Amino acid sequence: MPESECFNQCREQLRREITAVTPGAFETLALKLFRFQAEHNLVYRSYLGHLGCNPQEIKSLSDIPFLPISLFKKHKIVTGQWEQPAQVFESSGTTGAETSRHLLRDPVLYETLSRQIFEDHYGELENYHILALLPSYLERNNSSLVYMVKHFMELSGSSLSGFFLNDFGLLNRRLSGIAESRDGRKVLLIGVTFALLDWADGLNAPDGDESWRDTLVVMETGGMKGRRREMLRSEVHSVLKSRLGLAAIHSEYGMTELTSQAYAPSEGLFKETRSLRVLIRDITDPLMIRTDGQTGGVNVIDLGNLDSCAFIETSDLGRKDEQNGTFEIVGRHDNADVRGCNLLYF
């Protein structure tokens, strides 16, 4: 059945508001998006029905039921009647494990939000060289992380940006070449955790000679993928800071089922973004939201998921500081699949 003109007009209005949302307008827009998806997302509508939820009675973000992330493995999670996705993102999973699939209708919305969020935190991408150590993700053709980083490389306009797979020698030469060019750009090195540790293990102890350290931003995305022993995030950061002579290691929080990302400039303290908010649910009662700073399940509101579902009950455990909006990921539920960017335990 083709989508109605009313649906299309409503979707386009929501899309405009999402790309221009301000912190003060977030809750109003999220509630509007909730009612839109409660009507037009068949899986979410069915889920709400099983819970006995009347969407018209939802008055605040804490009242919203969040869709369990596991349903992305079993169902096509889409809002509307569209059939052909422009892009399909798929989680990495482990051997033999069932993977999640996120169907992307609107790549431009994804690209717009990812750029806005990054530049809100770090400034314009054209001021960076983007280097990536993402070997486990490059082995697949449907990684949302690789898609985002490729887009960032294009926006940077730097001929020195690139993926390095496992070629640490080439990475080191590229870093030295960038330092020698003295072009004023910073260097963002984004990598899966095991690859960053493997690279750092091959470096000598910092002696101050490597001038590329002066402009280097190292960002880990999590992920050991069975390549190394599991480590606390604080331990990972300590090793990398010591090896690289850096004051801080940055972190990125994202997943296949999300359109938006969050970033932590240090210590794994992530900041909520223009299109992403986190609520912490009680571990024993998933419909109860905690605001006491204690550990609980992580619920994510992602306005960028306009065409899938914006209200996701993740398998992560976390804590949130309600005063400043920062949150940290402290682990995963015992029965949650170990996968993708979330293989780093805390």
Protein backbone atom coordinates (compact mmCIF):
# COMPACT_ATOMS: atom_id res chain seq x y z
CA MET A 1 0.00 0.00 0.00
CA PRO A 2 1.53 3.38 -0.99
CA GLU A 3 2.07 5.93 1.73
CA SER A 4 -0.55 8.65 1.96
CA GLU A 5 0.10 12.30 1.24
CA CYS A 6 -0.66 13.04 4.89
CA PHE A 7 1.99 10.54 6.01
CA ASN A 8 4.58 12.01 3.66
CA GLN A 9 3.89 15.57 4.77
CA CYS A 10 4.12 14.57 8.43
CA ARG A 11 7.37 12.69 7.84
CA GLU A 12 8.94 15.61 6.00
CA GLN A 13 7.94 18.01 8.76
CA LEU A 14 9.46 15.71 11.39
CA ARG A 15 12.61 15.38 9.31
CA ARG A 16 13.05 19.16 9.13
CA GLU A 17 12.51 19.50 12.86
CA ILE A 18 14.96 16.69 13.67
CA THR A 19 17.83 18.27 11.72
CA ALA A 20 17.20 21.63 13.42
CA VAL A 21 16.26 20.45 16.92
CA THR A 22 17.47 22.43 19.94
CA PRO A 23 17.88 21.05 23.48
CA GLY A 24 14.75 22.84 24.66
CA ALA A 25 12.64 21.34 21.87
CA PHE A 26 13.88 17.75 22.24
CA GLU A 27 11.13 16.37 24.48
CA THR A 28 8.27 17.93 22.50
CA LEU A 29 9.69 16.60 19.25
CA ALA A 30 10.36 13.14 20.74
CA LEU A 31 6.75 12.88 21.91
CA LYS A 32 5.52 13.93 18.47
CA LEU A 33 7.76 11.31 16.87
CA PHE A 34 6.56 8.69 19.36
CA ARG A 35 2.92 9.18 18.33
CA PHE A 36 3.89 9.10 14.65
CA GLN A 37 5.74 5.81 15.06
CA ALA A 38 3.11 4.33 17.36
CA GLU A 39 0.69 4.69 14.46
CA HIS A 40 2.88 3.93 11.43
CA ASN A 41 5.46 1.39 12.69
CA LEU A 42 3.69 -1.98 12.61
CA VAL A 43 6.12 -3.81 14.90
CA TYR A 44 6.24 -0.99 17.45
CA ARG A 45 2.46 -0.56 17.31
CA SER A 46 1.99 -4.28 17.98
CA TYR A 47 4.48 -4.13 20.86
CA LEU A 48 2.64 -1.20 22.44
CA GLY A 49 -0.63 -3.06 22.03
CA HIS A 50 0.71 -6.09 23.89
CA LEU A 51 1.70 -3.77 26.74
CA GLY A 52 -1.75 -2.19 26.80
CA CYS A 53 -0.22 1.21 26.05
CA ASN A 54 -2.47 3.99 24.73
CA PRO A 55 -0.11 6.39 22.89
CA GLN A 56 -2.40 9.34 23.62
CA GLU A 57 -1.84 8.84 27.34
CA ILE A 58 1.95 9.23 27.03
CA LYS A 59 2.83 12.68 28.35
CA SER A 60 6.57 12.49 29.13
CA LEU A 61 9.69 10.71 27.90
CA SER A 62 9.77 8.49 30.98
CA ASP A 63 6.30 7.15 30.10
CA ILE A 64 7.36 5.85 26.67
CA PRO A 65 7.79 2.07 26.29
CA PHE A 66 11.08 1.28 24.56
CA LEU A 67 11.36 -1.42 21.90
CA PRO A 68 13.75 -4.27 22.87
CA ILE A 69 16.77 -4.13 20.59
CA SER A 70 16.61 -7.89 20.03
CA LEU A 71 13.58 -7.36 17.78
CA PHE A 72 15.90 -5.96 15.10
CA LYS A 73 17.08 -9.56 14.66
CA LYS A 74 13.62 -11.00 14.12
CA HIS A 75 11.65 -8.29 12.37
CA LYS A 76 11.86 -5.56 9.76
CA ILE A 77 11.66 -2.43 11.91
CA VAL A 78 10.34 0.33 9.64
CA THR A 79 8.00 3.28 10.00
CA GLY A 80 5.81 3.56 6.92
CA GLN A 81 5.12 1.31 3.95
CA TRP A 82 8.44 1.59 2.11
CA GLU A 83 10.03 -1.63 0.88
CA GLN A 84 13.45 -0.93 -0.62
CA PRO A 85 16.11 0.38 1.79
CA ALA A 86 18.85 2.59 0.42
CA GLN A 87 21.32 0.90 2.78
CA VAL A 88 21.24 -2.05 5.17
CA PHE A 89 23.44 -1.94 8.26
CA GLU A 90 24.14 -5.25 9.97
CA SER A 91 25.75 -6.01 13.32
CA SER A 92 28.93 -8.07 13.35
CA GLY A 93 27.80 -10.66 15.91
CA THR A 94 29.91 -13.72 16.63
CA THR A 95 30.27 -16.88 14.57
CA GLY A 96 26.86 -18.48 14.16
CA ALA A 97 25.08 -15.69 16.04
CA GLU A 98 21.96 -14.06 14.67
CA THR A 99 22.65 -10.46 13.63
CA SER A 100 20.62 -7.27 13.79
CA ARG A 101 19.63 -5.47 10.60
CA HIS A 102 18.87 -1.76 10.45
CA LEU A 103 17.18 -0.71 7.21
CA LEU A 104 18.13 2.81 6.18
CA ARG A 105 15.64 4.73 4.07
CA ASP A 106 17.32 8.13 4.13
CA PRO A 107 21.15 8.13 3.96
CA VAL A 108 21.23 11.93 3.76
CA LEU A 109 19.54 12.19 7.17
CA TYR A 110 22.09 9.75 8.62
CA GLU A 111 24.98 11.70 7.09
CA THR A 112 23.59 15.07 8.17
CA LEU A 113 23.11 14.06 11.79
CA SER A 114 26.44 12.25 12.11
CA ARG A 115 28.22 15.33 10.79
CA GLN A 116 26.27 17.71 13.04
CA ILE A 117 26.93 15.61 16.14
CA PHE A 118 30.66 15.26 15.46
CA GLU A 119 31.14 18.92 14.65
CA ASP A 120 29.14 20.00 17.71
CA HIS A 121 31.80 18.23 19.80
CA TYR A 122 35.00 18.59 17.78
CA GLY A 123 34.65 21.35 15.22
CA GLU A 124 34.55 21.21 11.44
CA LEU A 125 35.65 18.00 9.76
CA GLU A 126 37.61 19.91 7.14
CA ASN A 127 40.06 20.75 9.94
CA TYR A 128 40.96 17.05 10.35
CA HIS A 129 42.80 14.23 8.70
CA ILE A 130 40.71 11.10 9.41
CA LEU A 131 42.67 7.88 9.96
CA ALA A 132 40.95 4.60 10.81
CA LEU A 133 41.98 1.26 12.33
CA LEU A 134 38.80 -0.78 11.87
CA PRO A 135 39.97 -4.18 10.60
CA SER A 136 37.04 -6.23 11.90
CA TYR A 137 34.54 -3.83 10.34
CA LEU A 138 36.27 -3.50 6.99
CA GLU A 139 35.86 -7.24 6.55
CA ARG A 140 32.12 -6.57 6.08
CA ASN A 141 30.31 -4.39 3.57
CA ASN A 142 27.46 -3.32 5.81
CA SER A 143 29.03 -1.68 8.85
CA SER A 144 27.41 1.58 9.94
CA LEU A 145 30.70 2.62 11.58
CA VAL A 146 32.67 2.20 8.35
CA TYR A 147 29.93 4.06 6.45
CA MET A 148 30.16 6.98 8.87
CA VAL A 149 33.95 7.13 8.86
CA LYS A 150 34.06 7.02 5.06
CA HIS A 151 31.64 9.94 5.00
CA PHE A 152 33.83 11.85 7.45
CA MET A 153 36.86 11.23 5.24
CA GLU A 154 35.00 12.65 2.25
CA LEU A 155 33.96 15.72 4.24
CA SER A 156 37.50 16.28 5.47
CA GLY A 157 38.70 16.68 1.89
CA SER A 158 42.08 15.36 2.99
CA SER A 159 44.04 13.17 0.59
CA LEU A 160 45.91 11.85 3.63
CA SER A 161 42.79 10.37 5.25
CA GLY A 162 42.34 6.62 4.96
CA PHE A 163 41.83 3.15 6.40
CA PHE A 164 44.94 1.20 7.43
CA LEU A 165 43.60 -2.25 8.20
CA ASN A 166 46.60 -3.92 9.98
CA ASP A 167 49.39 -1.95 8.32
CA PHE A 168 50.80 -0.15 11.34
CA GLY A 169 53.99 0.79 9.49
CA LEU A 170 52.01 2.69 6.88
CA LEU A 171 49.96 4.36 9.63
CA ASN A 172 53.12 5.52 11.40
CA ARG A 173 54.57 6.89 8.18
CA ARG A 174 51.32 8.70 7.45
CA LEU A 175 51.32 10.26 10.91
CA SER A 176 54.91 11.41 10.48
CA GLY A 177 54.14 12.82 7.04
CA ILE A 178 51.19 14.78 8.40
CA ALA A 179 53.36 16.19 11.18
CA GLU A 180 56.02 17.26 8.70
CA SER A 181 53.44 19.01 6.52
CA ARG A 182 52.50 21.36 9.38
CA ASP A 183 49.19 22.14 7.65
CA GLY A 184 47.42 23.07 10.88
CA ARG A 185 44.94 20.23 10.80
CA LYS A 186 44.28 17.88 13.68
CA VAL A 187 44.42 14.12 13.25
CA LEU A 188 41.51 11.92 14.30
CA LEU A 189 42.58 8.31 14.67
CA ILE A 190 39.44 6.23 15.25
CA GLY A 191 39.77 2.54 15.90
CA VAL A 192 38.37 -0.62 17.36
CA THR A 193 39.98 -1.17 20.75
CA PHE A 194 42.03 -4.29 19.99
CA ALA A 195 43.55 -2.65 16.89
CA LEU A 196 44.53 0.50 18.77
CA LEU A 197 46.17 -1.60 21.48
CA ASP A 198 48.02 -3.71 18.89
CA TRP A 199 49.29 -0.55 17.22
CA ALA A 200 50.30 1.07 20.52
CA ASP A 201 52.16 -2.11 21.58
CA GLY A 202 54.48 -1.63 18.63
CA LEU A 203 55.43 1.92 19.54
CA ASN A 204 58.36 2.86 21.73
CA ALA A 205 57.71 4.64 24.99
CA PRO A 206 56.96 8.33 24.33
CA ASP A 207 60.11 10.43 24.19
CA GLY A 208 58.67 13.66 22.83
CA ASP A 209 60.20 13.30 19.38
CA GLU A 210 57.03 12.32 17.57
CA SER A 211 55.45 15.71 16.86
CA TRP A 212 52.32 14.06 15.47
CA ARG A 213 51.23 13.53 19.07
CA ASP A 214 50.65 17.28 19.43
CA THR A 215 47.55 17.29 17.23
CA LEU A 216 46.40 13.67 17.63
CA VAL A 217 42.90 12.71 18.83
CA VAL A 218 42.66 8.96 19.50
CA MET A 219 39.11 7.64 19.67
CA GLU A 220 38.21 4.07 20.62
CA THR A 221 34.92 2.49 19.61
CA GLY A 222 35.16 -0.52 21.94
CA GLY A 223 35.57 -4.06 20.71
CA MET A 224 38.02 -6.88 21.44
CA LYS A 225 36.26 -9.44 19.22
CA GLY A 226 38.16 -12.27 20.89
CA ARG A 227 41.52 -10.88 19.72
CA ARG A 228 42.71 -9.87 23.21
CA ARG A 229 41.63 -10.38 26.80
CA GLU A 230 38.75 -8.23 27.96
CA MET A 231 39.86 -5.09 29.79
CA LEU A 232 38.22 -2.34 31.79
CA ARG A 233 37.81 0.83 29.77
CA SER A 234 39.90 2.68 32.35
CA GLU A 235 42.67 0.12 31.84
CA VAL A 236 42.52 0.49 28.07
CA HIS A 237 42.72 4.25 28.34
CA SER A 238 45.60 4.06 30.80
CA VAL A 239 47.61 1.82 28.46
CA LEU A 240 46.96 3.99 25.42
CA LYS A 241 47.73 7.24 27.24
CA SER A 242 51.00 5.80 28.53
CA ARG A 243 52.08 4.39 25.17
CA LEU A 244 51.09 7.45 23.16
CA GLY A 245 51.97 10.20 25.61
CA LEU A 246 48.44 11.63 25.48
CA ALA A 247 46.44 13.29 28.23
CA ALA A 248 43.14 11.70 27.23
CA ILE A 249 41.61 8.99 25.04
CA HIS A 250 38.26 9.72 23.43
CA SER A 251 35.38 7.26 22.98
CA GLU A 252 32.49 6.84 20.53
CA TYR A 253 29.15 5.23 21.40
CA GLY A 254 27.04 3.94 18.55
CA MET A 255 25.48 0.76 17.26
CA THR A 256 23.92 -0.78 14.19
CA GLU A 257 20.39 -0.03 15.38
CA LEU A 258 21.06 3.69 15.94
CA THR A 259 21.46 6.60 13.55
CA SER A 260 23.01 8.99 16.08
CA GLN A 261 26.26 8.69 18.02
CA ALA A 262 27.59 9.99 21.33
CA TYR A 263 31.15 10.99 22.16
CA ALA A 264 33.22 11.03 25.33
CA PRO A 265 36.22 13.38 25.36
CA SER A 266 37.78 11.50 28.29
CA GLU A 267 37.16 8.90 30.99
CA GLY A 268 34.31 7.27 29.05
CA LEU A 269 31.85 10.01 30.07
CA PHE A 270 29.57 10.37 27.06
CA LYS A 271 27.60 13.51 26.33
CA GLU A 272 24.03 13.47 25.09
CA THR A 273 23.68 15.05 21.67
CA ARG A 274 21.20 17.12 19.70
CA SER A 275 19.39 13.98 18.50
CA LEU A 276 20.20 11.40 21.20
CA ARG A 277 19.13 11.12 24.82
CA VAL A 278 19.61 8.31 27.32
CA LEU A 279 17.27 7.14 30.04
CA ILE A 280 18.21 4.51 32.61
CA ARG A 281 15.63 1.81 33.32
CA ASP A 282 15.38 -0.34 36.41
CA ILE A 283 17.03 -3.74 35.89
CA THR A 284 14.08 -5.65 37.33
CA ASP A 285 11.29 -3.46 35.91
CA PRO A 286 12.01 -2.32 32.33
CA LEU A 287 9.06 0.11 32.36
CA MET A 288 10.43 2.08 35.34
CA ILE A 289 12.94 4.87 34.69
CA ARG A 290 15.63 5.59 37.29
CA THR A 291 16.93 9.10 37.98
CA ASP A 292 19.04 8.34 41.05
CA GLY A 293 22.39 7.85 39.31
CA GLN A 294 22.38 4.11 39.93
CA THR A 295 23.24 1.45 37.35
CA GLY A 296 20.44 0.22 35.13
CA GLY A 297 19.56 -0.72 31.59
CA VAL A 298 20.23 1.88 28.90
CA ASN A 299 17.28 3.17 26.90
CA VAL A 300 18.12 5.40 23.94
CA ILE A 301 15.94 7.99 22.25
CA ASP A 302 17.41 8.54 18.81
CA LEU A 303 15.47 11.10 16.77
CA GLY A 304 17.54 10.07 13.77
CA ASN A 305 15.66 6.76 13.69
CA LEU A 306 12.77 8.53 12.00
CA ASP A 307 12.20 5.65 9.59
CA SER A 308 12.81 2.75 11.99
CA CYS A 309 12.15 3.12 15.74
CA ALA A 310 13.48 6.02 17.80
CA PHE A 311 12.91 4.37 21.19
CA ILE A 312 15.35 1.52 21.80
CA GLU A 313 15.78 -0.62 24.89
CA THR A 314 19.45 -1.61 24.50
CA SER A 315 21.30 -4.50 26.13
CA ASP A 316 23.81 -2.14 27.72
CA LEU A 317 24.06 -1.27 31.39
CA GLY A 318 24.89 2.29 32.33
CA ARG A 319 24.66 5.21 34.71
CA LYS A 320 23.59 8.78 34.03
CA ASP A 321 24.30 12.05 35.76
CA GLU A 322 20.94 13.83 35.52
CA GLN A 323 22.54 17.17 36.37
CA ASN A 324 24.86 17.44 33.39
CA GLY A 325 23.43 14.86 30.99
CA THR A 326 26.57 12.73 30.83
CA PHE A 327 26.34 8.95 30.89
CA GLU A 328 28.70 6.01 31.01
CA ILE A 329 28.36 2.44 29.79
CA VAL A 330 29.32 0.00 32.52
CA GLY A 331 28.64 -3.38 30.93
CA ARG A 332 25.98 -5.54 29.34
CA HIS A 333 23.20 -7.74 30.61
CA ASP A 334 24.43 -11.25 31.37
CA ASN A 335 22.19 -12.76 28.70
CA ALA A 336 23.00 -10.16 26.04
CA ASP A 337 24.88 -11.13 22.92
CA VAL A 338 28.51 -10.07 22.85
CA ARG A 339 28.85 -8.18 19.62
CA GLY A 340 30.25 -5.33 17.59
CA CYS A 341 31.23 -2.11 19.29
CA ASN A 342 30.02 -3.35 22.67
CA LEU A 343 32.66 -5.97 23.36
CA LEU A 344 34.46 -3.72 25.82
CA TYR A 345 33.51 -4.53 29.40
CA PHE A 346 33.85 -2.19 32.35
